[in-house]
């Protein structure tokens, strides 16, 4: 095996490891989303009991601002993270309105 072949083989192995790591991270992200949705269901029930409105635009804006700030601190594009969090908020809203 030439040095180039050995280097290519090592790169393929490292590539496969990184893909497995990403798959694990993806599973963790989904697990965290599931936990978040579960909490949102609980919050929705508590809001109904307390007579609070389900939608809270000020709170949603606060969540988006905080996510963008953390994204910037981590060197991520805050606008893309904002977009992701709007989707997460939509998922959360749906969970809160279940049972209405």
N, C-alpha and C. Protein backbone atom coordinates (compact mmCIF):
# COMPACT_ATOMS: atom_id res chain seq x y z
N UNK A 1 0.86 -1.17 0.00
CA UNK A 1 0.00 0.00 0.00
C UNK A 1 0.91 1.23 0.00
N UNK A 2 0.59 2.15 -0.90
CA UNK A 2 1.38 3.37 -0.97
C UNK A 2 0.97 4.33 0.14
N UNK A 3 1.80 5.34 0.32
CA UNK A 3 1.50 6.35 1.33
C UNK A 3 0.19 7.06 1.00
N UNK A 4 -0.05 7.32 -0.28
CA UNK A 4 -1.29 7.97 -0.71
C UNK A 4 -2.50 7.08 -0.42
N UNK A 5 -2.35 5.78 -0.68
CA UNK A 5 -3.45 4.85 -0.39
C UNK A 5 -3.74 4.79 1.10
N UNK A 6 -2.69 4.75 1.91
CA UNK A 6 -2.86 4.70 3.37
C UNK A 6 -3.53 5.98 3.86
N UNK A 7 -3.12 7.10 3.29
CA UNK A 7 -3.70 8.39 3.67
C UNK A 7 -5.18 8.44 3.29
N UNK A 8 -5.50 7.95 2.09
CA UNK A 8 -6.90 7.94 1.64
C UNK A 8 -7.74 7.01 2.52
N UNK A 9 -7.19 5.86 2.88
CA UNK A 9 -7.91 4.93 3.74
C UNK A 9 -8.16 5.55 5.12
N UNK A 10 -7.18 6.23 5.67
CA UNK A 10 -7.33 6.90 6.96
C UNK A 10 -8.38 8.00 6.87
N UNK A 11 -8.38 8.72 5.77
CA UNK A 11 -9.37 9.79 5.58
C UNK A 11 -10.77 9.20 5.49
N UNK A 12 -10.94 8.06 4.81
CA UNK A 12 -12.26 7.42 4.71
C UNK A 12 -12.73 6.95 6.08
N UNK A 13 -11.83 6.41 6.87
CA UNK A 13 -12.19 5.96 8.22
C UNK A 13 -12.60 7.14 9.10
N UNK A 14 -11.84 8.22 9.01
CA UNK A 14 -12.16 9.42 9.80
C UNK A 14 -13.50 10.00 9.34
N UNK A 15 -13.72 9.99 8.04
CA UNK A 15 -14.98 10.47 7.47
C UNK A 15 -16.16 9.66 8.01
N UNK A 16 -16.03 8.35 8.03
CA UNK A 16 -17.10 7.47 8.54
C UNK A 16 -17.35 7.72 10.03
N UNK A 17 -16.28 7.92 10.79
CA UNK A 17 -16.43 8.23 12.22
C UNK A 17 -17.19 9.53 12.43
N UNK A 18 -16.83 10.54 11.66
CA UNK A 18 -17.49 11.84 11.79
C UNK A 18 -18.97 11.73 11.43
N UNK A 19 -19.28 10.96 10.41
CA UNK A 19 -20.69 10.77 10.04
C UNK A 19 -21.45 10.09 11.17
N UNK A 20 -20.85 9.10 11.79
CA UNK A 20 -21.49 8.42 12.93
C UNK A 20 -21.70 9.42 14.07
N UNK A 21 -20.71 10.27 14.31
CA UNK A 21 -20.84 11.28 15.36
C UNK A 21 -21.99 12.23 15.05
N UNK A 22 -22.12 12.64 13.79
CA UNK A 22 -23.21 13.53 13.40
C UNK A 22 -24.55 12.83 13.58
N UNK A 23 -24.63 11.55 13.24
CA UNK A 23 -25.88 10.81 13.44
C UNK A 23 -26.24 10.76 14.92
N UNK A 24 -25.24 10.60 15.78
CA UNK A 24 -25.49 10.59 17.22
C UNK A 24 -25.96 11.97 17.69
N UNK A 25 -25.33 13.01 17.20
CA UNK A 25 -25.75 14.38 17.55
C UNK A 25 -27.17 14.63 17.08
N UNK A 26 -27.49 14.19 15.86
CA UNK A 26 -28.86 14.34 15.35
C UNK A 26 -29.87 13.65 16.27
N UNK A 27 -29.55 12.44 16.71
CA UNK A 27 -30.45 11.72 17.62
C UNK A 27 -30.61 12.49 18.93
N UNK A 28 -29.53 13.07 19.42
CA UNK A 28 -29.60 13.86 20.65
C UNK A 28 -30.45 15.11 20.45
N UNK A 29 -30.30 15.77 19.29
CA UNK A 29 -31.11 16.95 18.99
C UNK A 29 -32.60 16.59 19.00
N UNK A 30 -32.93 15.47 18.38
CA UNK A 30 -34.33 15.04 18.33
C UNK A 30 -34.83 14.70 19.74
N UNK A 31 -33.99 14.06 20.54
CA UNK A 31 -34.38 13.76 21.92
C UNK A 31 -34.64 15.05 22.69
N UNK A 32 -33.80 16.05 22.49
CA UNK A 32 -34.00 17.34 23.16
C UNK A 32 -35.28 18.02 22.66
N UNK A 33 -35.55 17.93 21.36
CA UNK A 33 -36.79 18.50 20.84
C UNK A 33 -38.00 17.80 21.45
N UNK A 34 -37.92 16.49 21.58
CA UNK A 34 -39.03 15.74 22.18
C UNK A 34 -39.26 16.18 23.62
N UNK A 35 -38.17 16.39 24.37
CA UNK A 35 -38.29 16.87 25.75
C UNK A 35 -38.91 18.26 25.78
N UNK A 36 -38.48 19.11 24.84
CA UNK A 36 -39.02 20.48 24.78
C UNK A 36 -40.51 20.44 24.49
N UNK A 37 -40.92 19.61 23.53
CA UNK A 37 -42.33 19.50 23.18
C UNK A 37 -43.13 19.01 24.38
N UNK A 38 -42.59 18.04 25.11
CA UNK A 38 -43.29 17.54 26.29
C UNK A 38 -43.49 18.65 27.31
N UNK A 39 -42.47 19.46 27.54
CA UNK A 39 -42.60 20.58 28.47
C UNK A 39 -43.63 21.58 27.97
N UNK A 40 -43.66 21.80 26.67
CA UNK A 40 -44.63 22.74 26.10
C UNK A 40 -46.06 22.23 26.27
N UNK A 41 -46.25 20.92 26.16
CA UNK A 41 -47.58 20.36 26.45
C UNK A 41 -47.98 20.66 27.88
N UNK A 42 -47.03 20.48 28.80
CA UNK A 42 -47.29 20.77 30.21
C UNK A 42 -47.60 22.25 30.42
N UNK A 43 -46.84 23.10 29.77
CA UNK A 43 -47.05 24.55 29.88
C UNK A 43 -48.43 24.91 29.31
N UNK A 44 -48.80 24.30 28.19
CA UNK A 44 -50.12 24.56 27.62
C UNK A 44 -51.23 24.22 28.58
N UNK A 45 -51.11 23.07 29.25
CA UNK A 45 -52.13 22.67 30.24
C UNK A 45 -52.16 23.66 31.40
N UNK A 46 -50.99 24.08 31.85
CA UNK A 46 -50.94 25.05 32.96
C UNK A 46 -51.53 26.39 32.54
N UNK A 47 -51.27 26.81 31.32
CA UNK A 47 -51.85 28.06 30.84
C UNK A 47 -53.37 27.98 30.82
N UNK A 48 -53.90 26.84 30.36
CA UNK A 48 -55.36 26.70 30.33
C UNK A 48 -55.94 26.78 31.74
N UNK A 49 -55.30 26.10 32.69
CA UNK A 49 -55.78 26.13 34.08
C UNK A 49 -55.71 27.55 34.65
N UNK A 50 -54.62 28.25 34.34
CA UNK A 50 -54.42 29.60 34.87
C UNK A 50 -55.19 30.67 34.09
N UNK A 51 -55.82 30.27 32.98
CA UNK A 51 -56.56 31.24 32.18
C UNK A 51 -55.66 32.15 31.38
N UNK A 52 -54.46 31.70 31.07
CA UNK A 52 -53.50 32.50 30.29
C UNK A 52 -53.65 32.18 28.81
N UNK A 53 -53.36 33.14 27.96
CA UNK A 53 -53.43 32.86 26.52
C UNK A 53 -52.33 31.90 26.09
N UNK A 54 -52.65 31.05 25.12
CA UNK A 54 -51.65 30.11 24.62
C UNK A 54 -50.51 30.85 23.93
N UNK A 55 -50.87 31.77 23.06
CA UNK A 55 -49.85 32.50 22.32
C UNK A 55 -49.30 33.65 23.16
N UNK A 56 -47.98 33.76 23.13
CA UNK A 56 -47.30 34.82 23.89
C UNK A 56 -46.20 35.39 23.00
N UNK A 57 -46.58 36.32 22.10
CA UNK A 57 -45.60 36.86 21.14
C UNK A 57 -44.37 37.47 21.79
N UNK A 58 -44.53 38.11 22.94
CA UNK A 58 -43.37 38.71 23.62
C UNK A 58 -42.40 37.63 24.06
N UNK A 59 -42.91 36.53 24.60
CA UNK A 59 -42.06 35.41 25.03
C UNK A 59 -41.37 34.78 23.82
N UNK A 60 -42.11 34.61 22.73
CA UNK A 60 -41.52 34.04 21.52
C UNK A 60 -40.37 34.90 21.02
N UNK A 61 -40.57 36.22 21.02
CA UNK A 61 -39.52 37.13 20.57
C UNK A 61 -38.30 37.04 21.49
N UNK A 62 -38.54 36.88 22.78
CA UNK A 62 -37.44 36.74 23.74
C UNK A 62 -36.65 35.46 23.45
N UNK A 63 -37.35 34.37 23.17
CA UNK A 63 -36.68 33.10 22.86
C UNK A 63 -35.82 33.26 21.61
N UNK A 64 -36.34 33.92 20.60
CA UNK A 64 -35.60 34.13 19.35
C UNK A 64 -34.37 34.99 19.59
N UNK A 65 -34.54 36.07 20.35
CA UNK A 65 -33.39 36.95 20.64
C UNK A 65 -32.30 36.19 21.39
N UNK A 66 -32.70 35.40 22.37
CA UNK A 66 -31.72 34.65 23.16
C UNK A 66 -31.01 33.61 22.27
N UNK A 67 -31.75 32.94 21.43
CA UNK A 67 -31.14 31.95 20.53
C UNK A 67 -30.14 32.62 19.59
N UNK A 68 -30.49 33.77 19.05
CA UNK A 68 -29.59 34.48 18.15
C UNK A 68 -28.34 34.92 18.88
N UNK A 69 -28.48 35.37 20.10
CA UNK A 69 -27.34 35.80 20.90
C UNK A 69 -26.39 34.64 21.17
N UNK A 70 -26.95 33.52 21.58
CA UNK A 70 -26.12 32.33 21.84
C UNK A 70 -25.46 31.87 20.54
N UNK A 71 -26.18 31.94 19.45
CA UNK A 71 -25.60 31.55 18.15
C UNK A 71 -24.38 32.41 17.84
N UNK A 72 -24.52 33.72 18.02
CA UNK A 72 -23.38 34.62 17.75
C UNK A 72 -22.20 34.28 18.65
N UNK A 73 -22.47 34.00 19.93
CA UNK A 73 -21.40 33.64 20.86
C UNK A 73 -20.67 32.37 20.40
N UNK A 74 -21.40 31.47 19.76
CA UNK A 74 -20.83 30.20 19.30
C UNK A 74 -20.29 30.27 17.87
N UNK A 75 -20.35 31.44 17.26
CA UNK A 75 -19.83 31.60 15.92
C UNK A 75 -20.74 31.07 14.83
N UNK A 76 -22.03 30.96 15.14
CA UNK A 76 -23.00 30.50 14.15
C UNK A 76 -23.75 31.69 13.55
N UNK A 77 -24.24 31.53 12.33
CA UNK A 77 -25.00 32.63 11.72
C UNK A 77 -26.34 32.81 12.43
N UNK A 78 -26.50 33.94 13.11
CA UNK A 78 -27.68 34.13 13.94
C UNK A 78 -28.97 34.11 13.14
N UNK A 79 -28.97 34.57 11.90
CA UNK A 79 -30.20 34.60 11.12
C UNK A 79 -30.68 33.17 10.80
N UNK A 80 -29.78 32.28 10.52
CA UNK A 80 -30.17 30.88 10.26
C UNK A 80 -30.68 30.22 11.54
N UNK A 81 -30.05 30.54 12.66
CA UNK A 81 -30.51 29.99 13.93
C UNK A 81 -31.89 30.55 14.27
N UNK A 82 -32.11 31.82 13.97
CA UNK A 82 -33.45 32.40 14.17
C UNK A 82 -34.50 31.61 13.39
N UNK A 83 -34.18 31.31 12.13
CA UNK A 83 -35.11 30.55 11.29
C UNK A 83 -35.42 29.19 11.92
N UNK A 84 -34.39 28.51 12.38
CA UNK A 84 -34.58 27.20 13.02
C UNK A 84 -35.48 27.35 14.24
N UNK A 85 -35.23 28.37 15.04
CA UNK A 85 -36.01 28.54 16.26
C UNK A 85 -37.45 28.93 15.99
N UNK A 86 -37.72 29.63 14.89
CA UNK A 86 -39.11 29.91 14.55
C UNK A 86 -39.84 28.59 14.27
N UNK A 87 -39.16 27.65 13.64
CA UNK A 87 -39.76 26.33 13.40
C UNK A 87 -39.98 25.58 14.73
N UNK A 88 -39.01 25.68 15.61
CA UNK A 88 -39.14 25.04 16.92
C UNK A 88 -40.31 25.65 17.69
N UNK A 89 -40.45 26.96 17.61
CA UNK A 89 -41.57 27.63 18.28
C UNK A 89 -42.90 27.16 17.67
N UNK A 90 -42.93 26.99 16.36
CA UNK A 90 -44.15 26.48 15.73
C UNK A 90 -44.50 25.08 16.22
N UNK A 91 -43.51 24.24 16.36
CA UNK A 91 -43.71 22.91 16.91
C UNK A 91 -44.22 23.00 18.34
N UNK A 92 -43.63 23.89 19.10
CA UNK A 92 -44.01 24.08 20.50
C UNK A 92 -45.43 24.63 20.64
N UNK A 93 -45.77 25.57 19.77
CA UNK A 93 -47.13 26.13 19.78
C UNK A 93 -48.17 25.04 19.55
N UNK A 94 -47.87 24.19 18.58
CA UNK A 94 -48.78 23.08 18.29
C UNK A 94 -48.96 22.18 19.49
N UNK A 95 -47.88 21.92 20.21
CA UNK A 95 -47.95 21.07 21.40
C UNK A 95 -48.77 21.73 22.49
N UNK A 96 -48.65 23.06 22.62
CA UNK A 96 -49.40 23.76 23.67
C UNK A 96 -50.89 23.80 23.39
N UNK A 97 -51.25 23.80 22.13
CA UNK A 97 -52.68 23.93 21.80
C UNK A 97 -53.39 22.58 21.76
N UNK A 98 -52.66 21.49 21.91
CA UNK A 98 -53.30 20.18 21.97
C UNK A 98 -54.22 20.14 23.18
N UNK A 99 -55.39 19.63 22.98
CA UNK A 99 -56.31 19.51 24.09
C UNK A 99 -57.18 20.74 24.31
N UNK A 100 -57.01 21.75 23.46
CA UNK A 100 -57.87 22.95 23.61
C UNK A 100 -59.24 22.65 23.07
